[in-house]
Amino acid sequence: MNRRSLLAGVAASGTAIAGCASIEATVFQESTTPEVPSDPDDPIARATIGSPTDDDSPHRVRLWNRTDEQRSIGLDLEAESATFEGDYDLEPDAHVVIFLHDQAEYAVTVTVDGDEVESTTLEADSFDDPCPSTELFVLADDEFETTTEPESNHC
């Protein structure tokens, strides 16, 4: 039997039983961490909170738009010693970067098109890591993901 005959037979069989039974297929997708685009060193905006010192590495926070369309994205960082508020119109794969030099606990809030999508906390002890970094990813379908690395490449 050649391939076309086999496919035609399978299609006909599927059509014949489609009216008699409902077949439900479940597709499982493995959760994967979003990848940083190929040029992560070209943010549309940079900010620094606190004063750089030679003794401590800053905690880098990058906020990414990993959707297929421009989004209005807000980032609020709040600690006892400092506050940062930024609103950005980010194109797909664009990002902003903030370097935190004040060792403190930061409340982080991300908004997309005016709606809060994520709140998290950067712990003060994360500054004890050799080169801490947090990536905040705004994804399609109103999803959001956060990743943290103790040793990233910005130090």
C-alpha atoms as a PDB file:
ATOM      1  CA  MET A   1       0.000   0.000   0.000  1.00  0.00           C
ATOM      2  CA  ASN A   2       1.431   3.371  -0.891  1.00  0.00           C
ATOM      3  CA  ARG A   3       1.492   6.328   1.475  1.00  0.00           C
ATOM      4  CA  ARG A   4      -1.437   8.231  -0.111  1.00  0.00           C
ATOM      5  CA  SER A   5      -3.725   5.225   0.074  1.00  0.00           C
ATOM      6  CA  LEU A   6      -2.827   4.665   3.688  1.00  0.00           C
ATOM      7  CA  LEU A   7      -3.429   8.326   4.616  1.00  0.00           C
ATOM      8  CA  ALA A   8      -6.723   8.385   2.705  1.00  0.00           C
ATOM      9  CA  GLY A   9      -7.844   5.243   4.538  1.00  0.00           C
ATOM     10  CA  VAL A  10      -6.919   6.679   7.927  1.00  0.00           C
ATOM     11  CA  ALA A  11      -8.705   9.949   7.127  1.00  0.00           C
ATOM     12  CA  ALA A  12     -11.829   8.091   6.027  1.00  0.00           C
ATOM     13  CA  SER A  13     -11.776   5.937   9.168  1.00  0.00           C
ATOM     14  CA  GLY A  14     -11.416   9.003  11.354  1.00  0.00           C
ATOM     15  CA  THR A  15     -14.341  10.677   9.599  1.00  0.00           C
ATOM     16  CA  ALA A  16     -16.505   7.599  10.009  1.00  0.00           C
ATOM     17  CA  ILE A  17     -16.052   7.387  13.749  1.00  0.00           C
ATOM     18  CA  ALA A  18     -16.074  11.128  14.314  1.00  0.00           C
ATOM     19  CA  GLY A  19     -19.865  11.182  14.214  1.00  0.00           C
ATOM     20  CA  CYS A  20     -20.162   8.294  16.668  1.00  0.00           C
ATOM     21  CA  ALA A  21     -17.646   9.166  19.335  1.00  0.00           C
ATOM     22  CA  SER A  22     -15.953  12.190  20.699  1.00  0.00           C
ATOM     23  CA  ILE A  23     -12.220  11.809  21.104  1.00  0.00           C
ATOM     24  CA  GLU A  24     -10.527  14.299  23.371  1.00  0.00           C
ATOM     25  CA  ALA A  25      -6.793  14.754  23.079  1.00  0.00           C
ATOM     26  CA  THR A  26      -4.782  16.350  25.817  1.00  0.00           C
ATOM     27  CA  VAL A  27      -1.528  18.001  24.857  1.00  0.00           C
ATOM     28  CA  PHE A  28       1.050  18.477  27.561  1.00  0.00           C
ATOM     29  CA  GLN A  29       3.676  21.152  27.056  1.00  0.00           C
ATOM     30  CA  GLU A  30       6.856  21.100  29.039  1.00  0.00           C
ATOM     31  CA  SER A  31       7.363  24.346  30.918  1.00  0.00           C
ATOM     32  CA  THR A  32      10.520  26.035  29.734  1.00  0.00           C
ATOM     33  CA  THR A  33      12.198  29.168  30.919  1.00  0.00           C
ATOM     34  CA  PRO A  34      12.026  31.955  28.342  1.00  0.00           C
ATOM     35  CA  GLU A  35      15.300  32.641  26.631  1.00  0.00           C
ATOM     36  CA  VAL A  36      16.999  35.996  26.672  1.00  0.00           C
ATOM     37  CA  PRO A  37      17.233  37.381  23.110  1.00  0.00           C
ATOM     38  CA  SER A  38      20.551  37.265  21.292  1.00  0.00           C
ATOM     39  CA  ASP A  39      21.520  40.871  22.175  1.00  0.00           C
ATOM     40  CA  PRO A  40      20.669  41.308  25.870  1.00  0.00           C
ATOM     41  CA  ASP A  41      23.147  44.171  26.279  1.00  0.00           C
ATOM     42  CA  ASP A  42      21.077  46.713  24.358  1.00  0.00           C
ATOM     43  CA  PRO A  43      18.307  47.908  26.715  1.00  0.00           C
ATOM     44  CA  ILE A  44      16.033  50.801  25.775  1.00  0.00           C
ATOM     45  CA  ALA A  45      16.604  52.297  29.232  1.00  0.00           C
ATOM     46  CA  ARG A  46      19.005  51.918  32.176  1.00  0.00           C
ATOM     47  CA  ALA A  47      18.711  52.992  35.777  1.00  0.00           C
ATOM     48  CA  THR A  48      20.898  52.712  38.853  1.00  0.00           C
ATOM     49  CA  ILE A  49      19.599  52.711  42.411  1.00  0.00           C
ATOM     50  CA  GLY A  50      22.158  53.458  45.110  1.00  0.00           C
ATOM     51  CA  SER A  51      25.848  54.219  44.884  1.00  0.00           C
ATOM     52  CA  PRO A  52      28.236  51.732  43.301  1.00  0.00           C
ATOM     53  CA  THR A  53      31.034  50.414  45.514  1.00  0.00           C
ATOM     54  CA  ASP A  54      34.099  48.323  44.792  1.00  0.00           C
ATOM     55  CA  ASP A  55      33.139  45.849  47.515  1.00  0.00           C
ATOM     56  CA  ASP A  56      29.706  44.684  46.367  1.00  0.00           C
ATOM     57  CA  SER A  57      28.232  43.549  43.068  1.00  0.00           C
ATOM     58  CA  PRO A  58      24.920  45.132  42.093  1.00  0.00           C
ATOM     59  CA  HIS A  59      21.776  43.078  41.706  1.00  0.00           C
ATOM     60  CA  ARG A  60      20.780  43.422  38.040  1.00  0.00           C
ATOM     61  CA  VAL A  61      17.055  43.427  37.217  1.00  0.00           C
ATOM     62  CA  ARG A  62      15.981  43.175  33.578  1.00  0.00           C
ATOM     63  CA  LEU A  63      12.356  43.510  32.467  1.00  0.00           C
ATOM     64  CA  TRP A  64      11.595  41.913  29.072  1.00  0.00           C
ATOM     65  CA  ASN A  65       8.681  42.104  26.651  1.00  0.00           C
ATOM     66  CA  ARG A  66       8.693  38.573  25.185  1.00  0.00           C
ATOM     67  CA  THR A  67       5.385  38.973  23.322  1.00  0.00           C
ATOM     68  CA  ASP A  68       4.825  39.589  19.616  1.00  0.00           C
ATOM     69  CA  GLU A  69       3.466  43.092  20.072  1.00  0.00           C
ATOM     70  CA  GLN A  70       4.351  46.387  21.735  1.00  0.00           C
ATOM     71  CA  ARG A  71       3.185  46.540  25.343  1.00  0.00           C
ATOM     72  CA  SER A  72       3.005  49.317  27.942  1.00  0.00           C
ATOM     73  CA  ILE A  73       4.887  47.816  30.873  1.00  0.00           C
ATOM     74  CA  GLY A  74       5.481  49.332  34.289  1.00  0.00           C
ATOM     75  CA  LEU A  75       8.090  48.347  36.858  1.00  0.00           C
ATOM     76  CA  ASP A  76       8.000  49.461  40.491  1.00  0.00           C
ATOM     77  CA  LEU A  77      10.790  48.608  42.927  1.00  0.00           C
ATOM     78  CA  GLU A  78      10.309  49.639  46.528  1.00  0.00           C
ATOM     79  CA  ALA A  79      12.598  49.296  49.535  1.00  0.00           C
ATOM     80  CA  GLU A  80      12.943  51.241  52.767  1.00  0.00           C
ATOM     81  CA  SER A  81      15.942  53.087  51.348  1.00  0.00           C
ATOM     82  CA  ALA A  82      14.859  53.620  47.731  1.00  0.00           C
ATOM     83  CA  THR A  83      11.946  53.630  45.316  1.00  0.00           C
ATOM     84  CA  PHE A  84      11.959  53.260  41.547  1.00  0.00           C
ATOM     85  CA  GLU A  85       9.001  53.655  39.186  1.00  0.00           C
ATOM     86  CA  GLY A  86       9.275  53.290  35.432  1.00  0.00           C
ATOM     87  CA  ASP A  87       6.726  53.000  32.629  1.00  0.00           C
ATOM     88  CA  TYR A  88       7.860  51.863  29.189  1.00  0.00           C
ATOM     89  CA  ASP A  89       6.379  51.146  25.775  1.00  0.00           C
ATOM     90  CA  LEU A  90       8.406  48.060  24.964  1.00  0.00           C
ATOM     91  CA  GLU A  91       8.590  46.585  21.476  1.00  0.00           C
ATOM     92  CA  PRO A  92       8.846  42.773  21.174  1.00  0.00           C
ATOM     93  CA  ASP A  93      12.105  41.468  22.719  1.00  0.00           C
ATOM     94  CA  ALA A  94      12.974  44.922  24.111  1.00  0.00           C
ATOM     95  CA  HIS A  95      13.998  45.348  27.732  1.00  0.00           C
ATOM     96  CA  VAL A  96      15.065  47.755  30.429  1.00  0.00           C
ATOM     97  CA  VAL A  97      17.766  47.179  33.035  1.00  0.00           C
ATOM     98  CA  ILE A  98      18.049  48.434  36.596  1.00  0.00           C
ATOM     99  CA  PHE A  99      21.141  47.979  38.768  1.00  0.00           C
ATOM    100  CA  LEU A 100      20.413  47.841  42.494  1.00  0.00           C
ATOM    101  CA  HIS A 101      23.366  48.827  44.672  1.00  0.00           C
ATOM    102  CA  ASP A 102      21.500  49.299  47.978  1.00  0.00           C
ATOM    103  CA  GLN A 103      21.389  45.964  49.781  1.00  0.00           C
ATOM    104  CA  ALA A 104      17.782  45.778  50.856  1.00  0.00           C
ATOM    105  CA  GLU A 105      14.598  43.807  50.433  1.00  0.00           C
ATOM    106  CA  TYR A 106      12.733  45.109  47.364  1.00  0.00           C
ATOM    107  CA  ALA A 107       9.054  44.695  46.609  1.00  0.00           C
ATOM    108  CA  VAL A 108       8.749  44.290  42.825  1.00  0.00           C
ATOM    109  CA  THR A 109       5.526  44.980  40.930  1.00  0.00           C
ATOM    110  CA  VAL A 110       5.063  44.621  37.171  1.00  0.00           C
ATOM    111  CA  THR A 111       2.075  46.026  35.305  1.00  0.00           C
ATOM    112  CA  VAL A 112       1.073  45.412  31.695  1.00  0.00           C
ATOM    113  CA  ASP A 113      -1.275  47.868  30.005  1.00  0.00           C
ATOM    114  CA  GLY A 114      -2.189  49.246  33.452  1.00  0.00           C
ATOM    115  CA  ASP A 115      -3.021  45.886  35.074  1.00  0.00           C
ATOM    116  CA  GLU A 116      -0.819  44.293  37.729  1.00  0.00           C
ATOM    117  CA  VAL A 117       0.493  40.959  36.475  1.00  0.00           C
ATOM    118  CA  GLU A 118       3.125  40.074  39.036  1.00  0.00           C
ATOM    119  CA  SER A 119       4.388  40.944  42.478  1.00  0.00           C
ATOM    120  CA  THR A 120       7.479  39.380  43.936  1.00  0.00           C
ATOM    121  CA  THR A 121      10.217  40.151  46.420  1.00  0.00           C
ATOM    122  CA  LEU A 122      13.960  40.409  45.972  1.00  0.00           C
ATOM    123  CA  GLU A 123      15.400  39.302  49.281  1.00  0.00           C
ATOM    124  CA  ALA A 124      18.205  41.323  50.875  1.00  0.00           C
ATOM    125  CA  ASP A 125      20.361  38.208  51.196  1.00  0.00           C
ATOM    126  CA  SER A 126      20.385  37.822  47.387  1.00  0.00           C
ATOM    127  CA  PHE A 127      23.000  40.606  47.412  1.00  0.00           C
ATOM    128  CA  ASP A 128      25.345  38.160  49.162  1.00  0.00           C
ATOM    129  CA  ASP A 129      25.561  36.146  45.909  1.00  0.00           C
ATOM    130  CA  PRO A 130      28.646  36.768  43.739  1.00  0.00           C
ATOM    131  CA  CYS A 131      26.779  38.478  40.871  1.00  0.00           C
ATOM    132  CA  PRO A 132      22.989  38.380  41.379  1.00  0.00           C
ATOM    133  CA  SER A 133      20.529  38.853  38.535  1.00  0.00           C
ATOM    134  CA  THR A 134      16.748  38.699  38.162  1.00  0.00           C
ATOM    135  CA  GLU A 135      14.973  38.428  34.808  1.00  0.00           C
ATOM    136  CA  LEU A 136      11.302  39.466  34.606  1.00  0.00           C
ATOM    137  CA  PHE A 137       9.580  38.136  31.469  1.00  0.00           C
ATOM    138  CA  VAL A 138       6.226  39.428  30.203  1.00  0.00           C
ATOM    139  CA  LEU A 139       4.959  36.599  27.974  1.00  0.00           C
ATOM    140  CA  ALA A 140       2.063  36.048  25.584  1.00  0.00           C
ATOM    141  CA  ASP A 141      -1.427  35.196  26.900  1.00  0.00           C
ATOM    142  CA  ASP A 142      -0.954  37.345  30.028  1.00  0.00           C
ATOM    143  CA  GLU A 143       1.683  34.996  31.417  1.00  0.00           C
ATOM    144  CA  PHE A 144       4.703  36.083  33.405  1.00  0.00           C
ATOM    145  CA  GLU A 145       7.878  34.407  34.577  1.00  0.00           C
ATOM    146  CA  THR A 146      10.721  35.348  36.908  1.00  0.00           C
ATOM    147  CA  THR A 147      14.169  33.790  36.987  1.00  0.00           C
ATOM    148  CA  THR A 148      17.035  34.513  39.373  1.00  0.00           C
ATOM    149  CA  GLU A 149      20.715  33.688  39.006  1.00  0.00           C
ATOM    150  CA  PRO A 150      23.310  33.997  41.764  1.00  0.00           C
ATOM    151  CA  GLU A 151      26.192  34.365  39.259  1.00  0.00           C
ATOM    152  CA  SER A 152      25.338  36.191  36.046  1.00  0.00           C
ATOM    153  CA  ASN A 153      27.655  37.894  33.579  1.00  0.00           C
ATOM    154  CA  HIS A 154      27.284  41.601  34.421  1.00  0.00           C
ATOM    155  CA  CYS A 155      29.945  41.859  37.140  1.00  0.00           C
END
